[in-house]
Amino acid sequence: MKVTTPITFDTLSKAAHLKTLPQSSLLPPYNARSHVLQIGALTGQLCSTILTHAPLDNHSTHFWNSSGGGKEDIASSMGLLLVALLVTAKACCLDLKVCILKKIELNGRKYPVHLCKVR
């Protein structure tokens, strides 16, 4: 599967503000609580997929640079999780861009760069 549109904050924002988001068979149009539970399930699925397919050592660049079936399964699970986050953010009336930028700002205040030690 080849993606022609780069995914940026702007494309995510446009997708989040659509009147109707593309619905997956795994993401029925329920309330925010149901969406949050679905995110938990999809996160577990992503973890399982990565643990099943990804190599054990971090230095195995062949797996991540190849286009094998395991990598496609991981990409599919990540895509489902991203769609679930978009749908949940819309159900909760949240802007993901604002949420991410606020979290980055909070981390910057909690962990100032000049106090961080590099290993």
Foldseek 3Di string as FASTA:
>chain_A
DDDDDDDDLVVLQVQLPDPDHDDDPLRDPDALVVLVVSLVVLVVVLVVLCVVQPDPDPPPVVSVPDDDPSVVSNVVSVVVNSSSVSSSCSNVVHRVVVVVVVVVVVCCVVPPPVPDDDD
